[in-house]
Amino acid sequence: METLEEVADAVKLCRACPLHASRRNAVPGEGTGRSGVMFVGEAPGRNEDEQGRPFVGAAGQLLTDLITRVLGLRREDVFITNVVKCRPPGNREPEPEEVATCWRYLEAQVRILRPRIIVALGRHAATALLAGPGSRPLSINGVRGRPRVVRISGLEVTVFPTLHPAAALYNRQQVDALEEDFRHLSGLLGGGTLDRFLG
């Protein structure tokens, strides 16, 4: 898989885990990634499964607003995807085995895009990106807002964990915390140094 289109084609044909049996559409991801910013969520929901696009429901509206209003970027200039590319039945959380099975697609996307920073949305994305797929879940509140350099597909990549927009929608304080993280992220992307945040 050498291009995003090849990854998308492979995802759409994938039968590697049971999630393919209940999906309407696989959701490989979208965007050019030309800004150097990649967003990785948990898994597609109902709206995403219907449309074959990531973050198109209420959580997607919040994410798009933060990307445009706080980061000053266009949605099409980032790349948005999930660690799991097919919707888990009933919107349940993805199983560690499902994350591990789907990991090769995210690895390929990272290798192709070579992002400046990956924003991990929620604990499942943060766990997979920071600790490895199939690891015990991290506490998102314990890691949010603190970038860390990790190796993915042989590349050194900065991962910035934050809250998942869907979780934030249920709690006004979490919306404020998510926006605070995006303002921090904006500072990093605007020429702020990462060094003082990396331990």
C-alpha atoms as a PDB file:
ATOM      1  CA  MET A   1       0.000   0.000   0.000  1.00  0.00           C
ATOM      2  CA  GLU A   2       1.856   3.030  -1.306  1.00  0.00           C
ATOM      3  CA  THR A   3      -0.939   5.617  -1.653  1.00  0.00           C
ATOM      4  CA  LEU A   4      -3.953   6.669   0.402  1.00  0.00           C
ATOM      5  CA  GLU A   5      -6.160   5.376  -2.424  1.00  0.00           C
ATOM      6  CA  GLU A   6      -4.560   1.930  -2.182  1.00  0.00           C
ATOM      7  CA  VAL A   7      -5.121   1.890   1.589  1.00  0.00           C
ATOM      8  CA  ALA A   8      -8.750   2.899   1.088  1.00  0.00           C
ATOM      9  CA  ASP A   9      -9.265   0.153  -1.493  1.00  0.00           C
ATOM     10  CA  ALA A  10      -7.748  -2.428   0.861  1.00  0.00           C
ATOM     11  CA  VAL A  11      -9.921  -1.261   3.757  1.00  0.00           C
ATOM     12  CA  LYS A  12     -13.076  -1.523   1.652  1.00  0.00           C
ATOM     13  CA  LEU A  13     -12.221  -5.124   0.715  1.00  0.00           C
ATOM     14  CA  CYS A  14     -11.035  -6.154   4.194  1.00  0.00           C
ATOM     15  CA  ARG A  15     -12.568  -9.247   5.817  1.00  0.00           C
ATOM     16  CA  ALA A  16      -9.898  -9.693   8.481  1.00  0.00           C
ATOM     17  CA  CYS A  17     -12.185  -9.305  11.509  1.00  0.00           C
ATOM     18  CA  PRO A  18     -15.913  -9.875  12.177  1.00  0.00           C
ATOM     19  CA  LEU A  19     -16.758  -6.160  11.880  1.00  0.00           C
ATOM     20  CA  HIS A  20     -16.925  -6.451   8.090  1.00  0.00           C
ATOM     21  CA  ALA A  21     -20.052  -8.581   8.384  1.00  0.00           C
ATOM     22  CA  SER A  22     -22.214  -5.847   9.908  1.00  0.00           C
ATOM     23  CA  ARG A  23     -20.848  -2.743   8.204  1.00  0.00           C
ATOM     24  CA  ARG A  24     -22.603  -0.801   5.477  1.00  0.00           C
ATOM     25  CA  ASN A  25     -19.460   1.044   4.482  1.00  0.00           C
ATOM     26  CA  ALA A  26     -15.880   0.835   5.599  1.00  0.00           C
ATOM     27  CA  VAL A  27     -14.492   4.247   6.568  1.00  0.00           C
ATOM     28  CA  PRO A  28     -10.838   4.523   5.512  1.00  0.00           C
ATOM     29  CA  GLY A  29     -10.492   8.252   6.206  1.00  0.00           C
ATOM     30  CA  GLU A  30     -10.434  11.478   4.232  1.00  0.00           C
ATOM     31  CA  GLY A  31      -8.459  14.654   3.617  1.00  0.00           C
ATOM     32  CA  THR A  32      -5.173  15.516   1.955  1.00  0.00           C
ATOM     33  CA  GLY A  33      -3.115  15.833   5.124  1.00  0.00           C
ATOM     34  CA  ARG A  34      -1.174  18.635   3.410  1.00  0.00           C
ATOM     35  CA  SER A  35      -1.213  20.649   6.646  1.00  0.00           C
ATOM     36  CA  GLY A  36       0.833  17.917   8.330  1.00  0.00           C
ATOM     37  CA  VAL A  37      -1.944  17.266  10.841  1.00  0.00           C
ATOM     38  CA  MET A  38      -3.689  13.920  11.203  1.00  0.00           C
ATOM     39  CA  PHE A  39      -6.677  13.209  13.471  1.00  0.00           C
ATOM     40  CA  VAL A  40      -7.306   9.666  14.674  1.00  0.00           C
ATOM     41  CA  GLY A  41     -10.506   8.697  16.455  1.00  0.00           C
ATOM     42  CA  GLU A  42     -11.873   5.443  17.803  1.00  0.00           C
ATOM     43  CA  ALA A  43     -14.222   3.888  15.231  1.00  0.00           C
ATOM     44  CA  PRO A  44     -16.994   4.918  12.841  1.00  0.00           C
ATOM     45  CA  GLY A  45     -20.474   5.504  14.254  1.00  0.00           C
ATOM     46  CA  ARG A  46     -23.864   5.153  12.596  1.00  0.00           C
ATOM     47  CA  ASN A  47     -23.593   8.273  10.431  1.00  0.00           C
ATOM     48  CA  GLU A  48     -20.088   7.368   9.361  1.00  0.00           C
ATOM     49  CA  ASP A  49     -21.126   3.802   8.523  1.00  0.00           C
ATOM     50  CA  GLU A  50     -23.959   5.144   6.363  1.00  0.00           C
ATOM     51  CA  GLN A  51     -21.827   7.666   4.482  1.00  0.00           C
ATOM     52  CA  GLY A  52     -18.431   5.966   4.438  1.00  0.00           C
ATOM     53  CA  ARG A  53     -16.837   9.150   5.804  1.00  0.00           C
ATOM     54  CA  PRO A  54     -15.251   9.859   9.223  1.00  0.00           C
ATOM     55  CA  PHE A  55     -16.695  12.288  11.772  1.00  0.00           C
ATOM     56  CA  VAL A  56     -19.834  13.401   9.931  1.00  0.00           C
ATOM     57  CA  GLY A  57     -22.302  13.419  12.855  1.00  0.00           C
ATOM     58  CA  ALA A  58     -22.541  15.844  15.782  1.00  0.00           C
ATOM     59  CA  ALA A  59     -19.040  14.933  16.987  1.00  0.00           C
ATOM     60  CA  GLY A  60     -17.756  15.614  13.492  1.00  0.00           C
ATOM     61  CA  GLN A  61     -19.383  19.048  13.482  1.00  0.00           C
ATOM     62  CA  LEU A  62     -17.613  19.868  16.746  1.00  0.00           C
ATOM     63  CA  LEU A  63     -14.295  18.561  15.399  1.00  0.00           C
ATOM     64  CA  THR A  64     -14.653  20.530  12.162  1.00  0.00           C
ATOM     65  CA  ASP A  65     -15.483  23.683  14.121  1.00  0.00           C
ATOM     66  CA  LEU A  66     -12.354  23.285  16.259  1.00  0.00           C
ATOM     67  CA  ILE A  67     -10.168  22.592  13.217  1.00  0.00           C
ATOM     68  CA  THR A  68     -11.380  25.706  11.404  1.00  0.00           C
ATOM     69  CA  ARG A  69     -12.054  28.134  14.239  1.00  0.00           C
ATOM     70  CA  VAL A  70      -9.217  27.300  16.643  1.00  0.00           C
ATOM     71  CA  LEU A  71      -6.513  25.841  14.390  1.00  0.00           C
ATOM     72  CA  GLY A  72      -7.304  28.024  11.374  1.00  0.00           C
ATOM     73  CA  LEU A  73      -7.146  25.026   9.037  1.00  0.00           C
ATOM     74  CA  ARG A  74      -9.578  23.680   6.472  1.00  0.00           C
ATOM     75  CA  ARG A  75     -10.983  20.224   7.127  1.00  0.00           C
ATOM     76  CA  GLU A  76      -9.848  19.033   3.704  1.00  0.00           C
ATOM     77  CA  ASP A  77      -6.234  20.000   4.503  1.00  0.00           C
ATOM     78  CA  VAL A  78      -5.969  17.613   7.472  1.00  0.00           C
ATOM     79  CA  PHE A  79      -6.409  13.840   7.385  1.00  0.00           C
ATOM     80  CA  ILE A  80      -9.145  12.324   9.552  1.00  0.00           C
ATOM     81  CA  THR A  81      -9.471   8.616  10.272  1.00  0.00           C
ATOM     82  CA  ASN A  82     -10.001   6.083  13.079  1.00  0.00           C
ATOM     83  CA  VAL A  83      -7.983   3.244  14.558  1.00  0.00           C
ATOM     84  CA  VAL A  84     -10.804   0.880  13.526  1.00  0.00           C
ATOM     85  CA  LYS A  85     -12.205   1.408  10.032  1.00  0.00           C
ATOM     86  CA  CYS A  86     -15.573  -0.383  10.408  1.00  0.00           C
ATOM     87  CA  ARG A  87     -18.407   0.387  12.821  1.00  0.00           C
ATOM     88  CA  PRO A  88     -18.656  -1.891  15.860  1.00  0.00           C
ATOM     89  CA  PRO A  89     -22.273  -3.131  16.252  1.00  0.00           C
ATOM     90  CA  GLY A  90     -24.437  -0.878  18.399  1.00  0.00           C
ATOM     91  CA  ASN A  91     -21.639   1.697  18.597  1.00  0.00           C
ATOM     92  CA  ARG A  92     -19.875  -0.400  21.222  1.00  0.00           C
ATOM     93  CA  GLU A  93     -16.206   0.276  21.911  1.00  0.00           C
ATOM     94  CA  PRO A  94     -13.753  -1.530  19.635  1.00  0.00           C
ATOM     95  CA  GLU A  95     -12.173  -4.679  21.054  1.00  0.00           C
ATOM     96  CA  PRO A  96      -8.365  -4.757  21.437  1.00  0.00           C
ATOM     97  CA  GLU A  97      -8.201  -7.549  18.835  1.00  0.00           C
ATOM     98  CA  GLU A  98     -10.113  -5.381  16.353  1.00  0.00           C
ATOM     99  CA  VAL A  99      -7.727  -2.481  16.914  1.00  0.00           C
ATOM    100  CA  ALA A 100      -4.734  -4.789  16.463  1.00  0.00           C
ATOM    101  CA  THR A 101      -6.177  -6.306  13.267  1.00  0.00           C
ATOM    102  CA  CYS A 102      -6.879  -2.873  11.747  1.00  0.00           C
ATOM    103  CA  TRP A 103      -3.565  -1.352  12.858  1.00  0.00           C
ATOM    104  CA  ARG A 104      -1.758  -2.083   9.573  1.00  0.00           C
ATOM    105  CA  TYR A 105      -4.008   0.370   7.747  1.00  0.00           C
ATOM    106  CA  LEU A 106      -3.288   3.208  10.168  1.00  0.00           C
ATOM    107  CA  GLU A 107       0.423   2.391   9.989  1.00  0.00           C
ATOM    108  CA  ALA A 108       0.276   2.637   6.203  1.00  0.00           C
ATOM    109  CA  GLN A 109      -1.550   5.976   6.362  1.00  0.00           C
ATOM    110  CA  VAL A 110       1.066   7.365   8.751  1.00  0.00           C
ATOM    111  CA  ARG A 111       3.893   6.095   6.536  1.00  0.00           C
ATOM    112  CA  ILE A 112       2.340   7.706   3.439  1.00  0.00           C
ATOM    113  CA  LEU A 113       1.361  11.033   5.035  1.00  0.00           C
ATOM    114  CA  ARG A 114       4.402  11.480   7.313  1.00  0.00           C
ATOM    115  CA  PRO A 115       2.365  13.866   9.526  1.00  0.00           C
ATOM    116  CA  ARG A 116       3.934  16.591  11.599  1.00  0.00           C
ATOM    117  CA  ILE A 117       1.553  15.727  14.416  1.00  0.00           C
ATOM    118  CA  ILE A 118      -1.139  13.121  15.068  1.00  0.00           C
ATOM    119  CA  VAL A 119      -4.031  14.185  17.279  1.00  0.00           C
ATOM    120  CA  ALA A 120      -5.344  11.142  19.145  1.00  0.00           C
ATOM    121  CA  LEU A 121      -9.045  11.678  19.867  1.00  0.00           C
ATOM    122  CA  GLY A 122     -10.040   9.704  22.962  1.00  0.00           C
ATOM    123  CA  ARG A 123      -8.548   6.878  24.972  1.00  0.00           C
ATOM    124  CA  HIS A 124      -8.716   4.159  22.320  1.00  0.00           C
ATOM    125  CA  ALA A 125      -6.747   6.205  19.809  1.00  0.00           C
ATOM    126  CA  ALA A 126      -4.360   7.444  22.499  1.00  0.00           C
ATOM    127  CA  THR A 127      -3.764   3.907  23.768  1.00  0.00           C
ATOM    128  CA  ALA A 128      -3.075   2.482  20.306  1.00  0.00           C
ATOM    129  CA  LEU A 129      -0.778   5.335  19.283  1.00  0.00           C
ATOM    130  CA  LEU A 130       1.101   5.778  22.562  1.00  0.00           C
ATOM    131  CA  ALA A 131       1.204   2.248  23.981  1.00  0.00           C
ATOM    132  CA  GLY A 132       0.569   0.097  20.919  1.00  0.00           C
ATOM    133  CA  PRO A 133      -2.532  -1.666  19.591  1.00  0.00           C
ATOM    134  CA  GLY A 134      -4.024  -4.187  21.995  1.00  0.00           C
ATOM    135  CA  SER A 135      -2.529  -2.477  25.075  1.00  0.00           C
ATOM    136  CA  ARG A 136      -4.460  -1.881  28.288  1.00  0.00           C
ATOM    137  CA  PRO A 137      -6.481   1.348  27.925  1.00  0.00           C
ATOM    138  CA  LEU A 138      -4.829   4.547  29.101  1.00  0.00           C
ATOM    139  CA  SER A 139      -6.700   7.180  31.074  1.00  0.00           C
ATOM    140  CA  ILE A 140      -7.274   9.986  28.577  1.00  0.00           C
ATOM    141  CA  ASN A 141      -7.376  12.531  31.386  1.00  0.00           C
ATOM    142  CA  GLY A 142      -3.966  11.293  32.470  1.00  0.00           C
ATOM    143  CA  VAL A 143      -2.335  11.932  29.092  1.00  0.00           C
ATOM    144  CA  ARG A 144      -4.432  14.618  27.365  1.00  0.00           C
ATOM    145  CA  GLY A 145      -2.778  17.802  26.206  1.00  0.00           C
ATOM    146  CA  ARG A 146       0.778  16.436  26.497  1.00  0.00           C
ATOM    147  CA  PRO A 147       2.482  15.598  23.191  1.00  0.00           C
ATOM    148  CA  ARG A 148       4.847  12.668  23.022  1.00  0.00           C
ATOM    149  CA  VAL A 149       7.157  11.399  20.295  1.00  0.00           C
ATOM    150  CA  VAL A 150       6.615   7.748  19.356  1.00  0.00           C
ATOM    151  CA  ARG A 151       7.730   5.468  16.532  1.00  0.00           C
ATOM    152  CA  ILE A 152       5.067   4.303  14.092  1.00  0.00           C
ATOM    153  CA  SER A 153       5.951   2.340  10.996  1.00  0.00           C
ATOM    154  CA  GLY A 154       9.599   3.279  11.509  1.00  0.00           C
ATOM    155  CA  LEU A 155       8.873   7.021  11.707  1.00  0.00           C
ATOM    156  CA  GLU A 156       9.237   9.323  14.684  1.00  0.00           C
ATOM    157  CA  VAL A 157       5.863  11.020  15.061  1.00  0.00           C
ATOM    158  CA  THR A 158       4.511  13.470  17.626  1.00  0.00           C
ATOM    159  CA  VAL A 159       1.213  12.292  19.112  1.00  0.00           C
ATOM    160  CA  PHE A 160      -1.044  14.821  20.843  1.00  0.00           C
ATOM    161  CA  PRO A 161      -3.769  13.072  22.888  1.00  0.00           C
ATOM    162  CA  THR A 162      -7.016  14.824  23.696  1.00  0.00           C
ATOM    163  CA  LEU A 163     -10.658  14.065  24.466  1.00  0.00           C
ATOM    164  CA  HIS A 164     -12.957  12.497  21.898  1.00  0.00           C
ATOM    165  CA  PRO A 165     -15.470  15.062  20.583  1.00  0.00           C
ATOM    166  CA  ALA A 166     -18.354  12.601  21.064  1.00  0.00           C
ATOM    167  CA  ALA A 167     -17.573  12.275  24.773  1.00  0.00           C
ATOM    168  CA  ALA A 168     -17.208  16.039  25.106  1.00  0.00           C
ATOM    169  CA  LEU A 169     -20.691  16.635  23.677  1.00  0.00           C
ATOM    170  CA  TYR A 170     -22.240  15.160  26.825  1.00  0.00           C
ATOM    171  CA  ASN A 171     -20.385  17.461  29.210  1.00  0.00           C
ATOM    172  CA  ARG A 172     -19.896  21.209  28.785  1.00  0.00           C
ATOM    173  CA  GLN A 173     -16.741  21.134  30.908  1.00  0.00           C
ATOM    174  CA  GLN A 174     -15.254  18.574  28.547  1.00  0.00           C
ATOM    175  CA  VAL A 175     -16.067  20.768  25.556  1.00  0.00           C
ATOM    176  CA  ASP A 176     -14.133  23.542  27.289  1.00  0.00           C
ATOM    177  CA  ALA A 177     -11.244  21.150  28.029  1.00  0.00           C
ATOM    178  CA  LEU A 178     -11.216  19.967  24.403  1.00  0.00           C
ATOM    179  CA  GLU A 179     -11.094  23.552  23.161  1.00  0.00           C
ATOM    180  CA  GLU A 180      -8.296  24.297  25.630  1.00  0.00           C
ATOM    181  CA  ASP A 181      -6.314  21.383  24.178  1.00  0.00           C
ATOM    182  CA  PHE A 182      -6.918  22.650  20.644  1.00  0.00           C
ATOM    183  CA  ARG A 183      -5.645  26.098  21.646  1.00  0.00           C
ATOM    184  CA  HIS A 184      -2.525  24.419  23.039  1.00  0.00           C
ATOM    185  CA  LEU A 185      -2.243  22.467  19.780  1.00  0.00           C
ATOM    186  CA  SER A 186      -2.641  25.687  17.793  1.00  0.00           C
ATOM    187  CA  GLY A 187       0.318  27.158  19.653  1.00  0.00           C
ATOM    188  CA  LEU A 188       2.437  24.135  18.815  1.00  0.00           C
ATOM    189  CA  LEU A 189       1.485  24.260  15.150  1.00  0.00           C
ATOM    190  CA  GLY A 190       1.997  28.012  14.965  1.00  0.00           C
ATOM    191  CA  GLY A 191       5.701  27.761  15.529  1.00  0.00           C
ATOM    192  CA  GLY A 192       5.644  27.014  19.241  1.00  0.00           C
ATOM    193  CA  THR A 193       8.376  24.637  20.303  1.00  0.00           C
ATOM    194  CA  LEU A 194       7.479  21.092  21.217  1.00  0.00           C
ATOM    195  CA  ASP A 195      10.587  20.647  23.346  1.00  0.00           C
ATOM    196  CA  ARG A 196       9.181  22.029  26.597  1.00  0.00           C
ATOM    197  CA  PHE A 197       6.215  19.649  26.402  1.00  0.00           C
ATOM    198  CA  LEU A 198       8.150  16.481  25.657  1.00  0.00           C
ATOM    199  CA  GLY A 199       9.406  14.643  28.681  1.00  0.00           C
END
